[in-house]
Amino acid sequence: MACFSCPASYSIRCSAGGDWTDPNKQKLGSANINGAASSRPMTKPDAVLSQTSGVSATFTSVAPVSENGYISEEQVRQNIPTKKQFVDSHRQGVIIEGGVGYRQTVVIRSYEVGPDKTTTIESILNFFQETALNHVWMSGLLSNGFGATHGMMRNNLIWVVSRMHVQVDRYPIWGEIIEIDTWVGASGKNGMRRDWLIRSQATGVVFARATSTWVMMNKKTRRLSKMPEEVMAEISPWFIEKQAIKEDNPEKILKLDCKATYVNSDSKPKRSDLDMNQHVNNVKYVGWMLETIPDSFLESHLLSSIILEYRRECGSSDIVQSLSEPDDEGIILQEGIECDSHINFLNGLSLASEILEGSGLLGSFSKAPLRFTHLLQIDGRDSRKEEIARGRTTWKKKFSSMPFSPS
């Protein structure tokens, strides 16, 4: 019997006809769910589905019925599509890009913003994760795993991100409505690229963009795996050549040593940090990296870019050490444009802001570094420290919203 994980045997039987009541099966009215008795009567699947908000009244849109004619309560509650869907009113999602891309409309909630009422970088990364999963959900390829297809589940495979590059031009504010587009493409023989764009629904202005590389890991051995042909056959029809960020020569991040300027050795994963794949969610890594940067810097600067290289997964029992090192190779006005003591380039916006606030020409060039290199590693008891992830962050100064004092 296929049933959801609980001490009781609770199931819904799919019957083509005849008497629904089966004297050989335990009635739902006497089943214990998580130790509590349920008084709800046994119901036919079509009745259950029609009573569930937003659920199709046919079995073609839910997980397949097992050979013995039963589907689990979890399958009914999730209602994972088995066929491609073009519109999902509950998730505010639609299929775009000729039927292979995905767009979701999101309202920025209060718990997704920081003290300045703008979206946090962690929230943006969570948006990326959620829209990626919803994209697979609407494709009809999703099995009972964390974004895994049916072919992946048959081969005990899960997705793991190996690299991510995020660029943020502007942060959405509380209550703002945004649109998030995502799509996938090929990355070598055994990888997949996923990209995103975040834009304002009101103005169409692009707020952020990101690209990432994903590979497969065996769920049992926790080792990287080649992509099986059946999985490639599932996902390749969804590939697009379009790129949100073009990276012809991706920047390599150097490994920091123990002499880094900022070190935090007190980080330990909480149970709430684990995802459905039983390891620490990669969004948590960003928080650990940023915690080492001084508050005085964070209060006067905005994160404009972050590059992450993931080396290994982090488990619930690991002690994590976070290291950060500021760049000292000159003042960086824009990503890729450096300036030394012989200033030959002026950032117009930054310069104008500083002059208007009375700081003068030299005030536009802060002595604080605008780039940091990061490292997360397992703080083991022995001398060996295994890398979890490397990171590279780029920052820009916050501009005053009121450069002129009211007269």
Protein backbone atom coordinates (compact mmCIF):
# COMPACT_ATOMS: atom_id res chain seq x y z
CA MET A 1 0.00 0.00 0.00
CA ALA A 2 1.36 3.40 -0.96
CA CYS A 3 0.70 5.79 1.88
CA PHE A 4 2.20 8.90 3.35
CA SER A 5 4.71 8.60 6.15
CA CYS A 6 2.90 8.30 9.46
CA PRO A 7 2.19 5.54 11.97
CA ALA A 8 -1.28 4.93 10.58
CA SER A 9 -2.38 3.34 7.32
CA TYR A 10 -4.35 6.15 5.67
CA SER A 11 -5.11 5.84 1.98
CA ILE A 12 -7.58 6.70 -0.76
CA ARG A 13 -8.62 3.95 -3.13
CA CYS A 14 -9.15 4.56 -6.82
CA SER A 15 -11.95 2.38 -8.17
CA ALA A 16 -13.35 2.28 -11.69
CA GLY A 17 -16.74 1.16 -10.49
CA GLY A 18 -18.67 -1.05 -8.13
CA ASP A 19 -19.05 -0.69 -4.38
CA TRP A 20 -16.57 1.83 -2.96
CA THR A 21 -16.53 0.24 0.47
CA ASP A 22 -13.89 -2.47 0.87
CA PRO A 23 -14.39 -4.54 4.05
CA ASN A 24 -10.79 -5.75 3.81
CA LYS A 25 -9.40 -2.21 4.07
CA GLN A 26 -9.22 -0.09 7.19
CA LYS A 27 -11.82 2.66 7.11
CA LEU A 28 -10.64 6.20 7.26
CA GLY A 29 -13.02 6.97 10.11
CA SER A 30 -11.00 4.73 12.41
CA ALA A 31 -7.52 5.61 11.11
CA ASN A 32 -5.01 7.34 13.34
CA ILE A 33 -3.17 10.22 11.73
CA ASN A 34 -0.03 11.15 13.66
CA GLY A 35 -1.54 9.48 16.68
CA ALA A 36 -4.90 11.25 16.52
CA ALA A 37 -8.13 9.57 15.49
CA SER A 38 -9.94 10.95 12.45
CA SER A 39 -13.71 11.00 12.14
CA ARG A 40 -13.72 12.01 8.45
CA PRO A 41 -15.54 9.37 6.35
CA MET A 42 -13.92 7.47 3.49
CA THR A 43 -14.35 9.48 0.31
CA LYS A 44 -13.94 8.73 -3.36
CA PRO A 45 -10.92 10.37 -4.97
CA ASP A 46 -12.97 12.54 -7.33
CA ALA A 47 -14.90 13.93 -4.38
CA VAL A 48 -11.70 14.64 -2.48
CA LEU A 49 -10.18 16.41 -5.45
CA SER A 50 -13.24 18.50 -6.16
CA GLN A 51 -13.36 19.60 -2.53
CA THR A 52 -9.69 20.63 -2.60
CA SER A 53 -9.29 24.26 -3.63
CA GLY A 54 -7.70 24.64 -7.05
CA VAL A 55 -7.32 20.90 -7.64
CA SER A 56 -8.45 19.34 -10.87
CA ALA A 57 -11.30 16.87 -10.63
CA THR A 58 -9.48 14.34 -12.81
CA PHE A 59 -6.51 12.11 -12.12
CA THR A 60 -4.57 13.24 -15.17
CA SER A 61 -3.21 16.24 -13.24
CA VAL A 62 -2.05 14.49 -10.08
CA ALA A 63 0.67 11.99 -9.31
CA PRO A 64 0.11 8.56 -10.87
CA VAL A 65 -2.03 6.03 -9.05
CA SER A 66 -0.04 3.03 -7.86
CA GLU A 67 -0.66 -0.43 -9.25
CA ASN A 68 -2.82 -1.46 -6.31
CA GLY A 69 -5.21 1.42 -6.99
CA TYR A 70 -4.15 3.70 -4.15
CA ILE A 71 -2.76 7.21 -4.00
CA SER A 72 -1.36 8.77 -0.86
CA GLU A 73 -2.81 11.74 0.98
CA GLU A 74 0.42 13.62 0.21
CA GLN A 75 -0.12 13.16 -3.52
CA VAL A 76 -3.66 14.49 -3.25
CA ARG A 77 -2.59 17.50 -1.17
CA GLN A 78 0.34 18.42 -3.42
CA ASN A 79 -1.46 17.73 -6.71
CA ILE A 80 1.81 17.66 -8.68
CA PRO A 81 0.95 17.94 -12.39
CA THR A 82 1.84 15.02 -14.63
CA LYS A 83 1.22 17.09 -17.76
CA LYS A 84 2.55 20.46 -18.81
CA GLN A 85 0.58 23.37 -17.37
CA PHE A 86 0.57 26.84 -18.95
CA VAL A 87 -1.05 28.86 -16.16
CA ASP A 88 -1.02 28.44 -12.38
CA SER A 89 -3.32 30.95 -10.72
CA HIS A 90 -2.29 29.90 -7.21
CA ARG A 91 1.42 30.52 -7.81
CA GLN A 92 0.77 33.47 -10.12
CA GLY A 93 2.88 31.71 -12.73
CA VAL A 94 2.71 31.36 -16.52
CA ILE A 95 4.78 29.57 -19.15
CA ILE A 96 6.59 31.96 -21.52
CA GLU A 97 9.45 31.92 -24.09
CA GLY A 98 7.58 29.82 -26.63
CA GLY A 99 6.38 27.37 -24.01
CA VAL A 100 9.64 26.63 -22.20
CA GLY A 101 10.35 29.60 -19.89
CA TYR A 102 8.52 30.56 -16.71
CA ARG A 103 7.33 33.86 -15.23
CA GLN A 104 5.97 34.40 -11.75
CA THR A 105 4.43 37.51 -10.23
CA VAL A 106 5.44 38.18 -6.62
CA VAL A 107 4.40 40.78 -4.06
CA ILE A 108 7.23 41.71 -1.67
CA ARG A 109 6.13 40.77 1.85
CA SER A 110 7.13 42.34 5.12
CA TYR A 111 9.32 39.41 6.20
CA GLU A 112 11.28 39.60 2.94
CA VAL A 113 12.70 43.07 3.56
CA GLY A 114 15.31 44.46 5.92
CA PRO A 115 15.37 47.57 8.16
CA ASP A 116 15.49 49.86 5.12
CA LYS A 117 12.30 48.29 3.67
CA THR A 118 14.19 46.83 0.70
CA THR A 119 14.38 43.16 -0.19
CA THR A 120 17.30 41.29 1.36
CA ILE A 121 19.73 39.33 -0.80
CA GLU A 122 18.63 36.16 1.02
CA SER A 123 15.02 36.83 -0.06
CA ILE A 124 16.11 37.33 -3.66
CA LEU A 125 17.94 33.99 -3.58
CA ASN A 126 14.83 32.37 -2.11
CA PHE A 127 12.81 33.84 -5.00
CA PHE A 128 15.23 32.22 -7.41
CA GLN A 129 14.90 28.85 -5.72
CA GLU A 130 11.12 28.97 -5.52
CA THR A 131 10.59 30.02 -9.13
CA ALA A 132 12.99 27.33 -10.32
CA LEU A 133 10.99 24.68 -8.48
CA ASN A 134 7.69 26.10 -9.75
CA HIS A 135 9.08 26.01 -13.28
CA VAL A 136 9.74 22.27 -12.96
CA TRP A 137 6.36 21.87 -11.25
CA MET A 138 4.49 23.32 -14.25
CA SER A 139 6.57 21.35 -16.74
CA GLY A 140 4.94 18.09 -15.70
CA LEU A 141 8.38 16.57 -15.08
CA LEU A 142 8.45 16.92 -11.30
CA SER A 143 8.56 13.75 -9.27
CA ASN A 144 8.31 13.45 -5.50
CA GLY A 145 11.66 15.16 -4.91
CA PHE A 146 13.22 18.59 -4.43
CA GLY A 147 13.05 19.64 -8.09
CA ALA A 148 13.94 16.13 -9.28
CA THR A 149 12.44 14.67 -12.43
CA HIS A 150 11.06 11.16 -12.70
CA GLY A 151 14.27 9.96 -14.36
CA MET A 152 16.34 11.47 -11.58
CA MET A 153 14.27 9.73 -8.93
CA ARG A 154 14.72 6.37 -10.68
CA ASN A 155 18.49 6.93 -10.58
CA ASN A 156 18.59 8.31 -6.99
CA LEU A 157 19.80 11.69 -8.23
CA ILE A 158 19.31 15.21 -6.86
CA TRP A 159 20.26 18.66 -8.13
CA VAL A 160 23.10 20.58 -6.48
CA VAL A 161 24.26 24.07 -7.47
CA SER A 162 27.98 24.38 -8.26
CA ARG A 163 28.17 28.08 -9.11
CA MET A 164 25.98 31.16 -8.98
CA HIS A 165 26.46 34.77 -10.08
CA VAL A 166 23.93 37.40 -9.02
CA GLN A 167 23.89 41.06 -10.06
CA VAL A 168 21.56 43.53 -8.33
CA ASP A 169 21.04 46.98 -9.82
CA ARG A 170 18.17 47.90 -7.53
CA TYR A 171 16.38 46.23 -4.65
CA PRO A 172 12.57 45.86 -4.69
CA ILE A 173 10.77 47.55 -1.82
CA TRP A 174 8.10 46.33 0.57
CA GLY A 175 4.71 45.96 -1.14
CA GLU A 176 6.14 46.23 -4.65
CA ILE A 177 4.98 43.82 -7.33
CA ILE A 178 7.76 42.17 -9.30
CA GLU A 179 8.00 39.65 -12.13
CA ILE A 180 10.60 36.89 -12.06
CA ASP A 181 11.53 35.10 -15.28
CA THR A 182 13.55 31.90 -15.27
CA TRP A 183 14.72 29.45 -17.90
CA VAL A 184 17.28 26.69 -18.36
CA GLY A 185 20.02 25.79 -20.82
CA ALA A 186 22.84 23.33 -21.32
CA SER A 187 26.11 23.58 -19.38
CA GLY A 188 28.62 21.10 -20.71
CA LYS A 189 27.74 17.42 -21.04
CA ASN A 190 26.56 16.79 -17.48
CA GLY A 191 25.34 20.14 -16.22
CA MET A 192 22.46 22.55 -16.58
CA ARG A 193 22.43 26.33 -16.53
CA ARG A 194 19.54 28.23 -14.97
CA ASP A 195 19.09 31.98 -15.33
CA TRP A 196 16.75 34.56 -13.82
CA LEU A 197 15.59 38.14 -14.37
CA ILE A 198 13.71 40.23 -11.80
CA ARG A 199 11.86 43.30 -13.07
CA SER A 200 9.33 45.79 -11.79
CA GLN A 201 5.83 45.00 -12.98
CA ALA A 202 4.96 48.69 -12.93
CA THR A 203 7.90 50.04 -14.93
CA GLY A 204 9.52 47.03 -16.58
CA VAL A 205 12.91 48.07 -15.17
CA VAL A 206 15.21 45.12 -14.51
CA PHE A 207 16.21 45.00 -10.84
CA ALA A 208 18.41 41.91 -10.78
CA ARG A 209 19.74 39.09 -12.92
CA ALA A 210 21.45 35.82 -12.15
CA THR A 211 22.97 32.76 -13.73
CA SER A 212 23.81 29.42 -12.12
CA THR A 213 25.26 26.02 -12.94
CA TRP A 214 23.74 22.81 -11.60
CA VAL A 215 25.05 19.25 -11.51
CA MET A 216 23.71 15.96 -10.23
CA MET A 217 24.57 14.15 -7.03
CA ASN A 218 23.73 10.59 -6.05
CA LYS A 219 21.40 10.87 -3.08
CA LYS A 220 22.80 7.75 -1.40
CA THR A 221 26.54 8.04 -2.03
CA ARG A 222 26.56 11.89 -1.94
CA ARG A 223 28.92 11.86 -4.93
CA LEU A 224 28.58 13.80 -8.16
CA SER A 225 27.12 11.82 -11.03
CA LYS A 226 26.96 11.96 -14.81
CA MET A 227 23.61 12.93 -16.28
CA PRO A 228 21.76 9.80 -17.49
CA GLU A 229 20.43 9.86 -21.05
CA GLU A 230 16.85 9.55 -19.85
CA VAL A 231 17.23 12.67 -17.70
CA MET A 232 18.80 14.60 -20.58
CA ALA A 233 15.88 13.53 -22.75
CA GLU A 234 13.48 14.92 -20.14
CA ILE A 235 15.03 18.35 -19.69
CA SER A 236 16.75 19.17 -23.01
CA PRO A 237 13.50 20.18 -24.79
CA TRP A 238 13.29 23.03 -22.26
CA PHE A 239 16.75 24.44 -23.00
CA ILE A 240 17.16 28.03 -24.24
CA GLU A 241 20.39 29.64 -25.45
CA LYS A 242 19.48 33.00 -23.88
CA GLN A 243 21.72 34.17 -21.00
CA ALA A 244 20.94 36.66 -18.23
CA ILE A 245 24.66 37.24 -17.55
CA LYS A 246 27.25 36.45 -20.19
CA GLU A 247 30.32 34.85 -18.66
CA ASP A 248 32.83 34.03 -21.37
CA ASN A 249 35.64 33.77 -18.82
CA PRO A 250 34.11 33.27 -15.37
CA GLU A 251 36.08 34.89 -12.58
CA LYS A 252 38.03 32.45 -10.43
CA ILE A 253 37.93 33.04 -6.70
CA LEU A 254 41.18 32.57 -4.79
CA LYS A 255 41.12 30.58 -1.58
CA LEU A 256 41.65 32.56 1.62
CA ASP A 257 43.99 31.35 4.35
CA CYS A 258 43.73 31.54 8.12
CA LYS A 259 45.21 35.05 8.09
CA ALA A 260 42.01 36.60 6.72
CA THR A 261 41.04 39.95 8.24
CA TYR A 262 37.58 38.87 9.40
CA VAL A 263 36.88 35.43 10.84
CA ASN A 264 33.78 33.98 12.46
CA SER A 265 34.12 30.45 13.83
CA ASP A 266 30.86 30.24 15.77
CA SER A 267 28.41 29.30 13.01
CA LYS A 268 26.50 26.04 13.38
CA PRO A 269 23.59 24.94 11.22
CA LYS A 270 20.17 24.82 12.80
CA ARG A 271 17.59 22.21 11.97
CA SER A 272 15.58 24.89 10.21
CA ASP A 273 18.54 25.48 7.84
CA LEU A 274 18.15 22.02 6.27
CA ASP A 275 16.20 21.54 3.06
CA MET A 276 14.39 18.50 1.66
CA ASN A 277 17.70 17.04 0.46
CA GLN A 278 18.87 16.86 4.09
CA HIS A 279 21.68 19.39 3.76
CA VAL A 280 22.03 23.08 4.56
CA ASN A 281 20.27 25.19 1.95
CA ASN A 282 22.74 27.21 -0.12
CA VAL A 283 20.94 30.48 0.73
CA LYS A 284 22.22 30.11 4.29
CA TYR A 285 25.79 30.23 3.01
CA VAL A 286 25.34 33.84 1.90
CA GLY A 287 24.19 34.88 5.35
CA TRP A 288 27.25 33.28 6.93
CA MET A 289 29.52 35.10 4.50
CA LEU A 290 27.99 38.51 5.05
CA GLU A 291 27.99 38.18 8.85
CA THR A 292 31.75 38.65 8.90
CA ILE A 293 31.63 42.08 7.22
CA PRO A 294 31.64 44.97 9.73
CA ASP A 295 28.26 46.58 10.46
CA SER A 296 29.67 50.03 9.72
CA PHE A 297 30.37 48.95 6.14
CA LEU A 298 26.99 47.25 5.68
CA GLU A 299 25.16 50.36 6.88
CA SER A 300 26.75 52.55 4.20
CA HIS A 301 26.96 50.12 1.26
CA LEU A 302 24.70 47.96 -0.89
CA LEU A 303 25.59 44.57 -2.29
CA SER A 304 25.63 44.88 -6.10
CA SER A 305 27.11 41.52 -7.09
CA ILE A 306 27.91 38.16 -5.56
CA ILE A 307 29.66 35.15 -7.09
CA LEU A 308 29.46 31.82 -5.27
CA GLU A 309 31.43 28.65 -5.93
CA TYR A 310 30.10 25.65 -4.03
CA ARG A 311 32.60 22.96 -3.08
CA ARG A 312 30.74 20.52 -0.85
CA GLU A 313 27.51 20.18 1.06
CA CYS A 314 27.17 21.17 4.70
CA GLY A 315 25.44 18.92 7.19
CA SER A 316 23.61 19.59 10.42
CA SER A 317 26.53 18.47 12.61
CA ASP A 318 29.20 20.61 10.90
CA ILE A 319 30.81 23.62 12.58
CA VAL A 320 31.28 26.36 9.98
CA GLN A 321 34.08 28.91 9.86
CA SER A 322 33.49 32.03 7.77
CA LEU A 323 36.42 34.15 6.55
CA SER A 324 36.34 37.46 4.65
CA GLU A 325 39.13 39.57 3.21
CA PRO A 326 38.67 43.10 1.80
CA ASP A 327 40.40 44.00 -1.45
CA ASP A 328 43.32 46.41 -1.21
CA GLU A 329 44.08 46.82 -4.90
CA GLY A 330 42.54 50.25 -5.22
CA ILE A 331 39.15 51.90 -5.18
CA ILE A 332 36.63 50.15 -7.39
CA LEU A 333 34.04 52.49 -8.79
CA GLN A 334 32.21 50.01 -10.95
CA GLU A 335 32.60 46.27 -11.40
CA GLY A 336 35.68 45.76 -13.54
CA ILE A 337 36.84 49.42 -13.31
CA GLU A 338 39.55 50.14 -10.78
CA CYS A 339 41.09 53.42 -9.76
CA ASP A 340 44.38 54.10 -7.99
CA SER A 341 45.85 57.33 -6.66
CA HIS A 342 46.00 58.74 -10.22
CA ILE A 343 42.26 59.18 -10.60
CA ASN A 344 41.27 59.10 -14.25
CA PHE A 345 37.66 58.05 -14.05
CA LEU A 346 34.76 59.57 -12.17
CA ASN A 347 31.58 57.81 -11.20
CA GLY A 348 29.02 60.46 -12.07
CA LEU A 349 26.31 59.43 -9.66
CA SER A 350 28.62 58.87 -6.71
CA LEU A 351 30.53 62.07 -7.42
CA ALA A 352 27.39 64.15 -7.74
CA SER A 353 26.02 62.79 -4.48
CA GLU A 354 29.22 63.53 -2.58
CA ILE A 355 29.60 67.05 -3.99
CA LEU A 356 25.98 67.89 -3.27
CA GLU A 357 26.41 66.69 0.30
CA GLY A 358 29.44 68.96 0.73
CA SER A 359 32.15 66.31 0.73
CA GLY A 360 33.85 67.67 -2.37
CA LEU A 361 35.67 65.80 -5.14
CA LEU A 362 37.79 63.52 -3.00
CA GLY A 363 34.82 62.67 -0.81
CA SER A 364 33.34 60.61 -3.64
CA PHE A 365 36.14 58.05 -3.29
CA SER A 366 35.70 56.20 -0.01
CA LYS A 367 38.76 54.55 1.50
CA ALA A 368 36.64 51.54 2.36
CA PRO A 369 37.11 48.55 0.02
CA LEU A 370 34.25 47.79 -2.30
CA ARG A 371 35.05 44.13 -2.87
CA PHE A 372 35.44 41.22 -0.48
CA THR A 373 36.62 37.65 -0.93
CA HIS A 374 34.90 35.01 1.21
CA LEU A 375 35.44 31.43 2.30
CA LEU A 376 33.25 29.00 4.21
CA GLN A 377 34.90 25.87 5.54
CA ILE A 378 34.28 23.09 8.01
CA ASP A 379 35.99 23.94 11.29
CA GLY A 380 37.12 20.39 12.11
CA ARG A 381 38.97 19.30 15.20
CA ASP A 382 41.98 18.23 13.17
CA SER A 383 44.14 20.52 11.08
CA ARG A 384 42.24 19.71 7.89
CA LYS A 385 39.49 22.16 7.00
CA GLU A 386 37.22 21.17 4.12
CA GLU A 387 35.91 23.94 1.91
CA ILE A 388 32.17 24.48 1.67
CA ALA A 389 32.04 27.51 -0.62
CA ARG A 390 34.03 30.46 -1.92
CA GLY A 391 32.49 33.84 -2.55
CA ARG A 392 33.19 37.22 -4.09
CA THR A 393 31.06 40.26 -3.25
CA THR A 394 31.04 43.69 -4.89
CA TRP A 395 29.48 46.71 -3.19
CA LYS A 396 28.42 50.26 -3.97
CA LYS A 397 27.85 53.19 -1.67
CA LYS A 398 24.33 54.02 -0.60
CA PHE A 399 23.13 57.31 -2.01
CA SER A 400 21.31 59.89 0.06
CA SER A 401 17.68 60.17 -0.94
CA MET A 402 17.69 63.88 -0.06
CA PRO A 403 20.92 65.49 -1.31
CA PHE A 404 19.56 69.00 -0.77
CA SER A 405 18.54 70.32 2.63
CA PRO A 406 15.08 71.91 2.58
CA SER A 407 15.27 75.68 2.70
